[in-house]
mmCIF file of all heavy atoms, coordinates in Angstrom:
data_MODEL
# 
_entry.id   MODEL 
# 
loop_
_atom_site.group_PDB 
_atom_site.id 
_atom_site.type_symbol 
_atom_site.label_atom_id 
_atom_site.label_alt_id 
_atom_site.label_comp_id 
_atom_site.label_asym_id 
_atom_site.label_entity_id 
_atom_site.label_seq_id 
_atom_site.pdbx_PDB_ins_code 
_atom_site.Cartn_x 
_atom_site.Cartn_y 
_atom_site.Cartn_z 
_atom_site.occupancy 
_atom_site.B_iso_or_equiv 
_atom_site.pdbx_formal_charge 
_atom_site.auth_seq_id 
_atom_site.auth_comp_id 
_atom_site.auth_asym_id 
_atom_site.auth_atom_id 
_atom_site.pdbx_PDB_model_num 
ATOM 1   N N   . THR A 1 1  ? -6.840 -7.934  -9.544  1.00 0.00 ? 1  THR A N   1 
ATOM 2   C CA  . THR A 1 1  ? -7.186 -8.058  -8.126  1.00 0.00 ? 1  THR A CA  1 
ATOM 3   C C   . THR A 1 1  ? -6.001 -8.610  -7.342  1.00 0.00 ? 1  THR A C   1 
ATOM 4   O O   . THR A 1 1  ? -5.313 -9.522  -7.796  1.00 0.00 ? 1  THR A O   1 
ATOM 5   C CB  . THR A 1 1  ? -8.405 -8.993  -7.955  1.00 0.00 ? 1  THR A CB  1 
ATOM 6   O OG1 . THR A 1 1  ? -9.484 -8.477  -8.728  1.00 0.00 ? 1  THR A OG1 1 
ATOM 7   C CG2 . THR A 1 1  ? -8.825 -9.086  -6.512  1.00 0.00 ? 1  THR A CG2 1 
ATOM 8   N N   . VAL A 1 2  ? -5.796 -8.031  -6.172  1.00 0.00 ? 2  VAL A N   1 
ATOM 9   C CA  . VAL A 1 2  ? -4.794 -8.533  -5.233  1.00 0.00 ? 2  VAL A CA  1 
ATOM 10  C C   . VAL A 1 2  ? -5.496 -8.778  -3.899  1.00 0.00 ? 2  VAL A C   1 
ATOM 11  O O   . VAL A 1 2  ? -6.572 -8.236  -3.643  1.00 0.00 ? 2  VAL A O   1 
ATOM 12  C CB  . VAL A 1 2  ? -3.609 -7.554  -5.051  1.00 0.00 ? 2  VAL A CB  1 
ATOM 13  C CG1 . VAL A 1 2  ? -2.794 -7.453  -6.321  1.00 0.00 ? 2  VAL A CG1 1 
ATOM 14  C CG2 . VAL A 1 2  ? -4.093 -6.193  -4.605  1.00 0.00 ? 2  VAL A CG2 1 
ATOM 15  N N   . GLN A 1 3  ? -4.881 -9.618  -3.067  1.00 0.00 ? 3  GLN A N   1 
ATOM 16  C CA  . GLN A 1 3  ? -5.491 -9.930  -1.773  1.00 0.00 ? 3  GLN A CA  1 
ATOM 17  C C   . GLN A 1 3  ? -4.426 -9.927  -0.690  1.00 0.00 ? 3  GLN A C   1 
ATOM 18  O O   . GLN A 1 3  ? -3.297 -10.367 -0.902  1.00 0.00 ? 3  GLN A O   1 
ATOM 19  C CB  . GLN A 1 3  ? -6.196 -11.287 -1.812  1.00 0.00 ? 3  GLN A CB  1 
ATOM 20  C CG  . GLN A 1 3  ? -6.982 -11.569 -0.548  1.00 0.00 ? 3  GLN A CG  1 
ATOM 21  C CD  . GLN A 1 3  ? -8.015 -12.672 -0.711  1.00 0.00 ? 3  GLN A CD  1 
ATOM 22  O OE1 . GLN A 1 3  ? -8.058 -13.346 -1.725  1.00 0.00 ? 3  GLN A OE1 1 
ATOM 23  N NE2 . GLN A 1 3  ? -8.845 -12.840 0.295   1.00 0.00 ? 3  GLN A NE2 1 
ATOM 24  N N   . LEU A 1 4  ? -4.824 -9.417  0.471   1.00 0.00 ? 4  LEU A N   1 
ATOM 25  C CA  . LEU A 1 4  ? -3.955 -9.385  1.646   1.00 0.00 ? 4  LEU A CA  1 
ATOM 26  C C   . LEU A 1 4  ? -4.193 -10.662 2.450   1.00 0.00 ? 4  LEU A C   1 
ATOM 27  O O   . LEU A 1 4  ? -5.341 -11.046 2.693   1.00 0.00 ? 4  LEU A O   1 
ATOM 28  C CB  . LEU A 1 4  ? -4.265 -8.143  2.490   1.00 0.00 ? 4  LEU A CB  1 
ATOM 29  C CG  . LEU A 1 4  ? -3.347 -7.854  3.666   1.00 0.00 ? 4  LEU A CG  1 
ATOM 30  C CD1 . LEU A 1 4  ? -1.929 -7.557  3.194   1.00 0.00 ? 4  LEU A CD1 1 
ATOM 31  C CD2 . LEU A 1 4  ? -3.883 -6.685  4.476   1.00 0.00 ? 4  LEU A CD2 1 
ATOM 32  N N   . TRP A 1 5  ? -3.110 -11.306 2.861   1.00 0.00 ? 5  TRP A N   1 
ATOM 33  C CA  . TRP A 1 5  ? -3.170 -12.557 3.615   1.00 0.00 ? 5  TRP A CA  1 
ATOM 34  C C   . TRP A 1 5  ? -2.307 -12.460 4.858   1.00 0.00 ? 5  TRP A C   1 
ATOM 35  O O   . TRP A 1 5  ? -1.389 -11.654 4.918   1.00 0.00 ? 5  TRP A O   1 
ATOM 36  C CB  . TRP A 1 5  ? -2.649 -13.711 2.759   1.00 0.00 ? 5  TRP A CB  1 
ATOM 37  C CG  . TRP A 1 5  ? -3.450 -14.012 1.542   1.00 0.00 ? 5  TRP A CG  1 
ATOM 38  C CD1 . TRP A 1 5  ? -3.277 -13.481 0.299   1.00 0.00 ? 5  TRP A CD1 1 
ATOM 39  C CD2 . TRP A 1 5  ? -4.547 -14.910 1.431   1.00 0.00 ? 5  TRP A CD2 1 
ATOM 40  N NE1 . TRP A 1 5  ? -4.205 -14.004 -0.574  1.00 0.00 ? 5  TRP A NE1 1 
ATOM 41  C CE2 . TRP A 1 5  ? -4.989 -14.887 0.092   1.00 0.00 ? 5  TRP A CE2 1 
ATOM 42  C CE3 . TRP A 1 5  ? -5.205 -15.741 2.344   1.00 0.00 ? 5  TRP A CE3 1 
ATOM 43  C CZ2 . TRP A 1 5  ? -6.049 -15.655 -0.362  1.00 0.00 ? 5  TRP A CZ2 1 
ATOM 44  C CZ3 . TRP A 1 5  ? -6.258 -16.512 1.888   1.00 0.00 ? 5  TRP A CZ3 1 
ATOM 45  C CH2 . TRP A 1 5  ? -6.672 -16.468 0.554   1.00 0.00 ? 5  TRP A CH2 1 
ATOM 46  N N   . ILE A 1 6  ? -2.590 -13.345 5.810   1.00 0.00 ? 6  ILE A N   1 
ATOM 47  C CA  . ILE A 1 6  ? -1.741 -13.490 6.995   1.00 0.00 ? 6  ILE A CA  1 
ATOM 48  C C   . ILE A 1 6  ? -1.523 -14.980 7.245   1.00 0.00 ? 6  ILE A C   1 
ATOM 49  O O   . ILE A 1 6  ? -2.446 -15.795 7.098   1.00 0.00 ? 6  ILE A O   1 
ATOM 50  C CB  . ILE A 1 6  ? -2.350 -12.796 8.244   1.00 0.00 ? 6  ILE A CB  1 
ATOM 51  C CG1 . ILE A 1 6  ? -1.363 -12.825 9.412   1.00 0.00 ? 6  ILE A CG1 1 
ATOM 52  C CG2 . ILE A 1 6  ? -3.694 -13.386 8.616   1.00 0.00 ? 6  ILE A CG2 1 
ATOM 53  C CD1 . ILE A 1 6  ? -1.755 -11.947 10.577  1.00 0.00 ? 6  ILE A CD1 1 
ATOM 54  N N   . ARG A 1 7  ? -0.275 -15.318 7.568   1.00 0.00 ? 7  ARG A N   1 
ATOM 55  C CA  . ARG A 1 7  ? 0.062  -16.697 7.951   1.00 0.00 ? 7  ARG A CA  1 
ATOM 56  C C   . ARG A 1 7  ? 1.121  -16.621 9.035   1.00 0.00 ? 7  ARG A C   1 
ATOM 57  O O   . ARG A 1 7  ? 2.162  -16.005 8.832   1.00 0.00 ? 7  ARG A O   1 
ATOM 58  C CB  . ARG A 1 7  ? 0.615  -17.489 6.774   1.00 0.00 ? 7  ARG A CB  1 
ATOM 59  C CG  . ARG A 1 7  ? 1.004  -18.912 7.203   1.00 0.00 ? 7  ARG A CG  1 
ATOM 60  C CD  . ARG A 1 7  ? 1.745  -19.704 6.181   1.00 0.00 ? 7  ARG A CD  1 
ATOM 61  N NE  . ARG A 1 7  ? 1.033  -19.721 4.925   1.00 0.00 ? 7  ARG A NE  1 
ATOM 62  C CZ  . ARG A 1 7  ? 1.611  -19.948 3.756   1.00 0.00 ? 7  ARG A CZ  1 
ATOM 63  N NH1 . ARG A 1 7  ? 2.902  -20.156 3.686   1.00 0.00 ? 7  ARG A NH1 1 
ATOM 64  N NH2 . ARG A 1 7  ? 0.913  -19.962 2.651   1.00 0.00 ? 7  ARG A NH2 1 
ATOM 65  N N   . ASP A 1 8  ? 0.836  -17.207 10.156  1.00 0.00 ? 8  ASP A N   1 
ATOM 66  C CA  . ASP A 1 8  ? 1.782  -17.224 11.281  1.00 0.00 ? 8  ASP A CA  1 
ATOM 67  C C   . ASP A 1 8  ? 2.300  -15.814 11.598  1.00 0.00 ? 8  ASP A C   1 
ATOM 68  O O   . ASP A 1 8  ? 3.502  -15.581 11.695  1.00 0.00 ? 8  ASP A O   1 
ATOM 69  C CB  . ASP A 1 8  ? 2.954  -18.161 10.982  1.00 0.00 ? 8  ASP A CB  1 
ATOM 70  C CG  . ASP A 1 8  ? 2.500  -19.599 10.782  1.00 0.00 ? 8  ASP A CG  1 
ATOM 71  O OD1 . ASP A 1 8  ? 1.502  -20.001 11.407  1.00 0.00 ? 8  ASP A OD1 1 
ATOM 72  O OD2 . ASP A 1 8  ? 3.145  -20.325 9.991   1.00 0.00 ? 8  ASP A OD2 1 
ATOM 73  N N   . LYS A 1 9  ? 1.402  -14.867 11.729  1.00 0.00 ? 9  LYS A N   1 
ATOM 74  C CA  . LYS A 1 9  ? 1.686  -13.474 12.101  1.00 0.00 ? 9  LYS A CA  1 
ATOM 75  C C   . LYS A 1 9  ? 2.464  -12.695 11.035  1.00 0.00 ? 9  LYS A C   1 
ATOM 76  O O   . LYS A 1 9  ? 2.960  -11.604 11.309  1.00 0.00 ? 9  LYS A O   1 
ATOM 77  C CB  . LYS A 1 9  ? 2.418  -13.407 13.441  1.00 0.00 ? 9  LYS A CB  1 
ATOM 78  C CG  . LYS A 1 9  ? 1.607  -13.970 14.596  1.00 0.00 ? 9  LYS A CG  1 
ATOM 79  C CD  . LYS A 1 9  ? 2.347  -13.821 15.894  1.00 0.00 ? 9  LYS A CD  1 
ATOM 80  C CE  . LYS A 1 9  ? 1.535  -14.442 17.021  1.00 0.00 ? 9  LYS A CE  1 
ATOM 81  N NZ  . LYS A 1 9  ? 2.209  -14.357 18.301  1.00 0.00 ? 9  LYS A NZ  1 
ATOM 82  N N   . THR A 1 10 ? 2.598  -13.243 9.832   1.00 0.00 ? 10 THR A N   1 
ATOM 83  C CA  . THR A 1 10 ? 3.278  -12.543 8.745   1.00 0.00 ? 10 THR A CA  1 
ATOM 84  C C   . THR A 1 10 ? 2.261  -12.158 7.684   1.00 0.00 ? 10 THR A C   1 
ATOM 85  O O   . THR A 1 10 ? 1.531  -13.009 7.182   1.00 0.00 ? 10 THR A O   1 
ATOM 86  C CB  . THR A 1 10 ? 4.361  -13.443 8.104   1.00 0.00 ? 10 THR A CB  1 
ATOM 87  O OG1 . THR A 1 10 ? 5.299  -13.800 9.114   1.00 0.00 ? 10 THR A OG1 1 
ATOM 88  C CG2 . THR A 1 10 ? 5.066  -12.729 6.969   1.00 0.00 ? 10 THR A CG2 1 
ATOM 89  N N   . CYS A 1 11 ? 2.234  -10.863 7.353   1.00 0.00 ? 11 CYS A N   1 
ATOM 90  C CA  . CYS A 1 11 ? 1.341  -10.362 6.299   1.00 0.00 ? 11 CYS A CA  1 
ATOM 91  C C   . CYS A 1 11 ? 2.031  -10.501 4.952   1.00 0.00 ? 11 CYS A C   1 
ATOM 92  O O   . CYS A 1 11 ? 3.239  -10.311 4.857   1.00 0.00 ? 11 CYS A O   1 
ATOM 93  C CB  . CYS A 1 11 ? 1.037  -8.890  6.503   1.00 0.00 ? 11 CYS A CB  1 
ATOM 94  S SG  . CYS A 1 11 ? -0.109 -8.568  7.811   1.00 0.00 ? 11 CYS A SG  1 
ATOM 95  N N   . PHE A 1 12 ? 1.241  -10.799 3.939   1.00 0.00 ? 12 PHE A N   1 
ATOM 96  C CA  . PHE A 1 12 ? 1.767  -10.770 2.582   1.00 0.00 ? 12 PHE A CA  1 
ATOM 97  C C   . PHE A 1 12 ? 0.638  -10.459 1.616   1.00 0.00 ? 12 PHE A C   1 
ATOM 98  O O   . PHE A 1 12 ? -0.530 -10.651 1.915   1.00 0.00 ? 12 PHE A O   1 
ATOM 99  C CB  . PHE A 1 12 ? 2.499  -12.069 2.222   1.00 0.00 ? 12 PHE A CB  1 
ATOM 100 C CG  . PHE A 1 12 ? 1.648  -13.307 2.230   1.00 0.00 ? 12 PHE A CG  1 
ATOM 101 C CD1 . PHE A 1 12 ? 1.098  -13.801 1.059   1.00 0.00 ? 12 PHE A CD1 1 
ATOM 102 C CD2 . PHE A 1 12 ? 1.417  -14.003 3.409   1.00 0.00 ? 12 PHE A CD2 1 
ATOM 103 C CE1 . PHE A 1 12 ? 0.325  -14.949 1.062   1.00 0.00 ? 12 PHE A CE1 1 
ATOM 104 C CE2 . PHE A 1 12 ? 0.651  -15.155 3.419   1.00 0.00 ? 12 PHE A CE2 1 
ATOM 105 C CZ  . PHE A 1 12 ? 0.105  -15.631 2.243   1.00 0.00 ? 12 PHE A CZ  1 
ATOM 106 N N   . ILE A 1 13 ? 1.020  -9.939  0.474   1.00 0.00 ? 13 ILE A N   1 
ATOM 107 C CA  . ILE A 1 13 ? 0.072  -9.573  -0.571  1.00 0.00 ? 13 ILE A CA  1 
ATOM 108 C C   . ILE A 1 13 ? 0.275  -10.564 -1.711  1.00 0.00 ? 13 ILE A C   1 
ATOM 109 O O   . ILE A 1 13 ? 1.399  -10.982 -1.977  1.00 0.00 ? 13 ILE A O   1 
ATOM 110 C CB  . ILE A 1 13 ? 0.284  -8.101  -1.014  1.00 0.00 ? 13 ILE A CB  1 
ATOM 111 C CG1 . ILE A 1 13 ? -0.845 -7.610  -1.883  1.00 0.00 ? 13 ILE A CG1 1 
ATOM 112 C CG2 . ILE A 1 13 ? 1.591  -7.893  -1.693  1.00 0.00 ? 13 ILE A CG2 1 
ATOM 113 C CD1 . ILE A 1 13 ? -2.012 -7.103  -1.126  1.00 0.00 ? 13 ILE A CD1 1 
ATOM 114 N N   . ALA A 1 14 ? -0.834 -10.973 -2.350  1.00 0.00 ? 14 ALA A N   1 
ATOM 115 C CA  . ALA A 1 14 ? -0.738 -11.952 -3.438  1.00 0.00 ? 14 ALA A CA  1 
ATOM 116 C C   . ALA A 1 14 ? -1.668 -11.568 -4.576  1.00 0.00 ? 14 ALA A C   1 
ATOM 117 O O   . ALA A 1 14 ? -2.689 -10.905 -4.356  1.00 0.00 ? 14 ALA A O   1 
ATOM 118 C CB  . ALA A 1 14 ? -1.095 -13.354 -2.917  1.00 0.00 ? 14 ALA A CB  1 
ATOM 119 N N   . THR A 1 15 ? -1.307 -11.995 -5.761  1.00 0.00 ? 15 THR A N   1 
ATOM 120 C CA  . THR A 1 15 ? -2.191 -11.802 -6.901  1.00 0.00 ? 15 THR A CA  1 
ATOM 121 C C   . THR A 1 15 ? -3.412 -12.692 -6.705  1.00 0.00 ? 15 THR A C   1 
ATOM 122 O O   . THR A 1 15 ? -3.373 -13.653 -5.932  1.00 0.00 ? 15 THR A O   1 
ATOM 123 C CB  . THR A 1 15 ? -1.487 -12.165 -8.226  1.00 0.00 ? 15 THR A CB  1 
ATOM 124 O OG1 . THR A 1 15 ? -1.002 -13.512 -8.142  1.00 0.00 ? 15 THR A OG1 1 
ATOM 125 C CG2 . THR A 1 15 ? -0.320 -11.214 -8.506  1.00 0.00 ? 15 THR A CG2 1 
ATOM 126 N N   . ALA A 1 16 ? -4.499 -12.380 -7.410  1.00 0.00 ? 16 ALA A N   1 
ATOM 127 C CA  . ALA A 1 16 ? -5.749 -13.136 -7.231  1.00 0.00 ? 16 ALA A CA  1 
ATOM 128 C C   . ALA A 1 16 ? -5.573 -14.608 -7.563  1.00 0.00 ? 16 ALA A C   1 
ATOM 129 O O   . ALA A 1 16 ? -6.210 -15.468 -6.949  1.00 0.00 ? 16 ALA A O   1 
ATOM 130 C CB  . ALA A 1 16 ? -6.858 -12.528 -8.076  1.00 0.00 ? 16 ALA A CB  1 
ATOM 131 N N   . ASP A 1 17 ? -4.703 -14.916 -8.503  1.00 0.00 ? 17 ASP A N   1 
ATOM 132 C CA  . ASP A 1 17 ? -4.490 -16.318 -8.875  1.00 0.00 ? 17 ASP A CA  1 
ATOM 133 C C   . ASP A 1 17 ? -3.457 -17.002 -7.981  1.00 0.00 ? 17 ASP A C   1 
ATOM 134 O O   . ASP A 1 17 ? -3.123 -18.158 -8.174  1.00 0.00 ? 17 ASP A O   1 
ATOM 135 C CB  . ASP A 1 17 ? -4.077 -16.424 -10.341 1.00 0.00 ? 17 ASP A CB  1 
ATOM 136 C CG  . ASP A 1 17 ? -2.808 -15.648 -10.656 1.00 0.00 ? 17 ASP A CG  1 
ATOM 137 O OD1 . ASP A 1 17 ? -2.141 -15.136 -9.725  1.00 0.00 ? 17 ASP A OD1 1 
ATOM 138 O OD2 . ASP A 1 17 ? -2.471 -15.543 -11.851 1.00 0.00 ? 17 ASP A OD2 1 
ATOM 139 N N   . ASN A 1 18 ? -2.944 -16.271 -6.992  1.00 0.00 ? 18 ASN A N   1 
ATOM 140 C CA  . ASN A 1 18 ? -1.940 -16.777 -6.044  1.00 0.00 ? 18 ASN A CA  1 
ATOM 141 C C   . ASN A 1 18 ? -0.674 -17.292 -6.716  1.00 0.00 ? 18 ASN A C   1 
ATOM 142 O O   . ASN A 1 18 ? 0.030  -18.131 -6.168  1.00 0.00 ? 18 ASN A O   1 
ATOM 143 C CB  . ASN A 1 18 ? -2.529 -17.855 -5.130  1.00 0.00 ? 18 ASN A CB  1 
ATOM 144 C CG  . ASN A 1 18 ? -3.491 -17.282 -4.130  1.00 0.00 ? 18 ASN A CG  1 
ATOM 145 O OD1 . ASN A 1 18 ? -3.268 -16.189 -3.611  1.00 0.00 ? 18 ASN A OD1 1 
ATOM 146 N ND2 . ASN A 1 18 ? -4.572 -17.975 -3.875  1.00 0.00 ? 18 ASN A ND2 1 
ATOM 147 N N   . GLN A 1 19 ? -0.391 -16.785 -7.905  1.00 0.00 ? 19 GLN A N   1 
ATOM 148 C CA  . GLN A 1 19 ? 0.825  -17.184 -8.598  1.00 0.00 ? 19 GLN A CA  1 
ATOM 149 C C   . GLN A 1 19 ? 2.051  -16.435 -8.065  1.00 0.00 ? 19 GLN A C   1 
ATOM 150 O O   . GLN A 1 19 ? 3.158  -16.948 -8.105  1.00 0.00 ? 19 GLN A O   1 
ATOM 151 C CB  . GLN A 1 19 ? 0.684  -16.927 -10.106 1.00 0.00 ? 19 GLN A CB  1 
ATOM 152 C CG  . GLN A 1 19 ? -0.347 -17.803 -10.772 1.00 0.00 ? 19 GLN A CG  1 
ATOM 153 C CD  . GLN A 1 19 ? 0.022  -19.266 -10.723 1.00 0.00 ? 19 GLN A CD  1 
ATOM 154 O OE1 . GLN A 1 19 ? 1.158  -19.644 -10.999 1.00 0.00 ? 19 GLN A OE1 1 
ATOM 155 N NE2 . GLN A 1 19 ? -0.922 -20.116 -10.366 1.00 0.00 ? 19 GLN A NE2 1 
ATOM 156 N N   . ARG A 1 20 ? 1.833  -15.216 -7.588  1.00 0.00 ? 20 ARG A N   1 
ATOM 157 C CA  . ARG A 1 20 ? 2.938  -14.414 -7.064  1.00 0.00 ? 20 ARG A CA  1 
ATOM 158 C C   . ARG A 1 20 ? 2.506  -13.785 -5.747  1.00 0.00 ? 20 ARG A C   1 
ATOM 159 O O   . ARG A 1 20 ? 1.360  -13.391 -5.590  1.00 0.00 ? 20 ARG A O   1 
ATOM 160 C CB  . ARG A 1 20 ? 3.323  -13.323 -8.075  1.00 0.00 ? 20 ARG A CB  1 
ATOM 161 C CG  . ARG A 1 20 ? 3.877  -13.871 -9.378  1.00 0.00 ? 20 ARG A CG  1 
ATOM 162 C CD  . ARG A 1 20 ? 4.271  -12.756 -10.345 1.00 0.00 ? 20 ARG A CD  1 
ATOM 163 N NE  . ARG A 1 20 ? 3.240  -11.772 -10.607 1.00 0.00 ? 20 ARG A NE  1 
ATOM 164 C CZ  . ARG A 1 20 ? 2.295  -11.885 -11.537 1.00 0.00 ? 20 ARG A CZ  1 
ATOM 165 N NH1 . ARG A 1 20 ? 2.231  -12.953 -12.273 1.00 0.00 ? 20 ARG A NH1 1 
ATOM 166 N NH2 . ARG A 1 20 ? 1.412  -10.916 -11.721 1.00 0.00 ? 20 ARG A NH2 1 
ATOM 167 N N   . SER A 1 21 ? 3.461  -13.675 -4.831  1.00 0.00 ? 21 SER A N   1 
ATOM 168 C CA  . SER A 1 21 ? 3.164  -13.017 -3.557  1.00 0.00 ? 21 SER A CA  1 
ATOM 169 C C   . SER A 1 21 ? 4.417  -12.313 -3.059  1.00 0.00 ? 21 SER A C   1 
ATOM 170 O O   . SER A 1 21 ? 5.520  -12.594 -3.517  1.00 0.00 ? 21 SER A O   1 
ATOM 171 C CB  . SER A 1 21 ? 2.667  -14.025 -2.520  1.00 0.00 ? 21 SER A CB  1 
ATOM 172 O OG  . SER A 1 21 ? 3.686  -14.943 -2.206  1.00 0.00 ? 21 SER A OG  1 
ATOM 173 N N   . ALA A 1 22 ? 4.202  -11.389 -2.130  1.00 0.00 ? 22 ALA A N   1 
ATOM 174 C CA  . ALA A 1 22 ? 5.320  -10.644 -1.550  1.00 0.00 ? 22 ALA A CA  1 
ATOM 175 C C   . ALA A 1 22 ? 5.058  -10.431 -0.070  1.00 0.00 ? 22 ALA A C   1 
ATOM 176 O O   . ALA A 1 22 ? 3.968  -10.001 0.310   1.00 0.00 ? 22 ALA A O   1 
ATOM 177 C CB  . ALA A 1 22 ? 5.472  -9.298  -2.264  1.00 0.00 ? 22 ALA A CB  1 
ATOM 178 N N   . PRO A 1 23 ? 6.044  -10.720 0.782   1.00 0.00 ? 23 PRO A N   1 
ATOM 179 C CA  . PRO A 1 23 ? 5.875  -10.474 2.220   1.00 0.00 ? 23 PRO A CA  1 
ATOM 180 C C   . PRO A 1 23 ? 5.913  -8.983  2.505   1.00 0.00 ? 23 PRO A C   1 
ATOM 181 O O   . PRO A 1 23 ? 6.520  -8.206  1.781   1.00 0.00 ? 23 PRO A O   1 
ATOM 182 C CB  . PRO A 1 23 ? 7.078  -11.183 2.833   1.00 0.00 ? 23 PRO A CB  1 
ATOM 183 C CG  . PRO A 1 23 ? 8.109  -11.208 1.756   1.00 0.00 ? 23 PRO A CG  1 
ATOM 184 C CD  . PRO A 1 23 ? 7.339  -11.278 0.454   1.00 0.00 ? 23 PRO A CD  1 
ATOM 185 N N   . LEU A 1 24 ? 5.255  -8.588  3.572   1.00 0.00 ? 24 LEU A N   1 
ATOM 186 C CA  . LEU A 1 24 ? 5.192  -7.193  3.989   1.00 0.00 ? 24 LEU A CA  1 
ATOM 187 C C   . LEU A 1 24 ? 5.861  -7.070  5.348   1.00 0.00 ? 24 LEU A C   1 
ATOM 188 O O   . LEU A 1 24 ? 5.369  -7.611  6.342   1.00 0.00 ? 24 LEU A O   1 
ATOM 189 C CB  . LEU A 1 24 ? 3.729  -6.709  4.046   1.00 0.00 ? 24 LEU A CB  1 
ATOM 190 C CG  . LEU A 1 24 ? 2.973  -6.821  2.738   1.00 0.00 ? 24 LEU A CG  1 
ATOM 191 C CD1 . LEU A 1 24 ? 1.478  -6.612  2.971   1.00 0.00 ? 24 LEU A CD1 1 
ATOM 192 C CD2 . LEU A 1 24 ? 3.513  -5.834  1.713   1.00 0.00 ? 24 LEU A CD2 1 
ATOM 193 N N   . ALA A 1 25 ? 6.978  -6.370  5.396   1.00 0.00 ? 25 ALA A N   1 
ATOM 194 C CA  . ALA A 1 25 ? 7.765  -6.294  6.629   1.00 0.00 ? 25 ALA A CA  1 
ATOM 195 C C   . ALA A 1 25 ? 7.191  -5.294  7.640   1.00 0.00 ? 25 ALA A C   1 
ATOM 196 O O   . ALA A 1 25 ? 7.307  -5.498  8.841   1.00 0.00 ? 25 ALA A O   1 
ATOM 197 C CB  . ALA A 1 25 ? 9.196  -5.911  6.280   1.00 0.00 ? 25 ALA A CB  1 
ATOM 198 N N   . HIS A 1 26 ? 6.565  -4.218  7.156   1.00 0.00 ? 26 HIS A N   1 
ATOM 199 C CA  . HIS A 1 26 ? 6.149  -3.144  8.069   1.00 0.00 ? 26 HIS A CA  1 
ATOM 200 C C   . HIS A 1 26 ? 4.632  -3.034  8.247   1.00 0.00 ? 26 HIS A C   1 
ATOM 201 O O   . HIS A 1 26 ? 4.188  -2.360  9.168   1.00 0.00 ? 26 HIS A O   1 
ATOM 202 C CB  . HIS A 1 26 ? 6.702  -1.808  7.580   1.00 0.00 ? 26 HIS A CB  1 
ATOM 203 C CG  . HIS A 1 26 ? 8.195  -1.842  7.415   1.00 0.00 ? 26 HIS A CG  1 
ATOM 204 N ND1 . HIS A 1 26 ? 9.065  -1.916  8.475   1.00 0.00 ? 26 HIS A ND1 1 
ATOM 205 C CD2 . HIS A 1 26 ? 8.962  -1.847  6.303   1.00 0.00 ? 26 HIS A CD2 1 
ATOM 206 C CE1 . HIS A 1 26 ? 10.297 -1.966  8.024   1.00 0.00 ? 26 HIS A CE1 1 
ATOM 207 N NE2 . HIS A 1 26 ? 10.273 -1.918  6.718   1.00 0.00 ? 26 HIS A NE2 1 
ATOM 208 N N   . THR A 1 27 ? 3.871  -3.659  7.390   1.00 0.00 ? 27 THR A N   1 
ATOM 209 C CA  . THR A 1 27 ? 2.410  -3.551  7.462   1.00 0.00 ? 27 THR A CA  1 
ATOM 210 C C   . THR A 1 27 ? 1.875  -4.527  8.506   1.00 0.00 ? 27 THR A C   1 
ATOM 211 O O   . THR A 1 27 ? 2.174  -5.720  8.465   1.00 0.00 ? 27 THR A O   1 
ATOM 212 C CB  . THR A 1 27 ? 1.778  -3.853  6.094   1.00 0.00 ? 27 THR A CB  1 
ATOM 213 O OG1 . THR A 1 27 ? 2.316  -2.931  5.147   1.00 0.00 ? 27 THR A OG1 1 
ATOM 214 C CG2 . THR A 1 27 ? 0.274  -3.741  6.131   1.00 0.00 ? 27 THR A CG2 1 
# 
């Protein structure tokens, strides 16, 4: 499972355990 998050207008995707995440520049 992965989850889409937003913080301060920046989207990022993270693993369900929140151990790894990646910012999304265009989404």
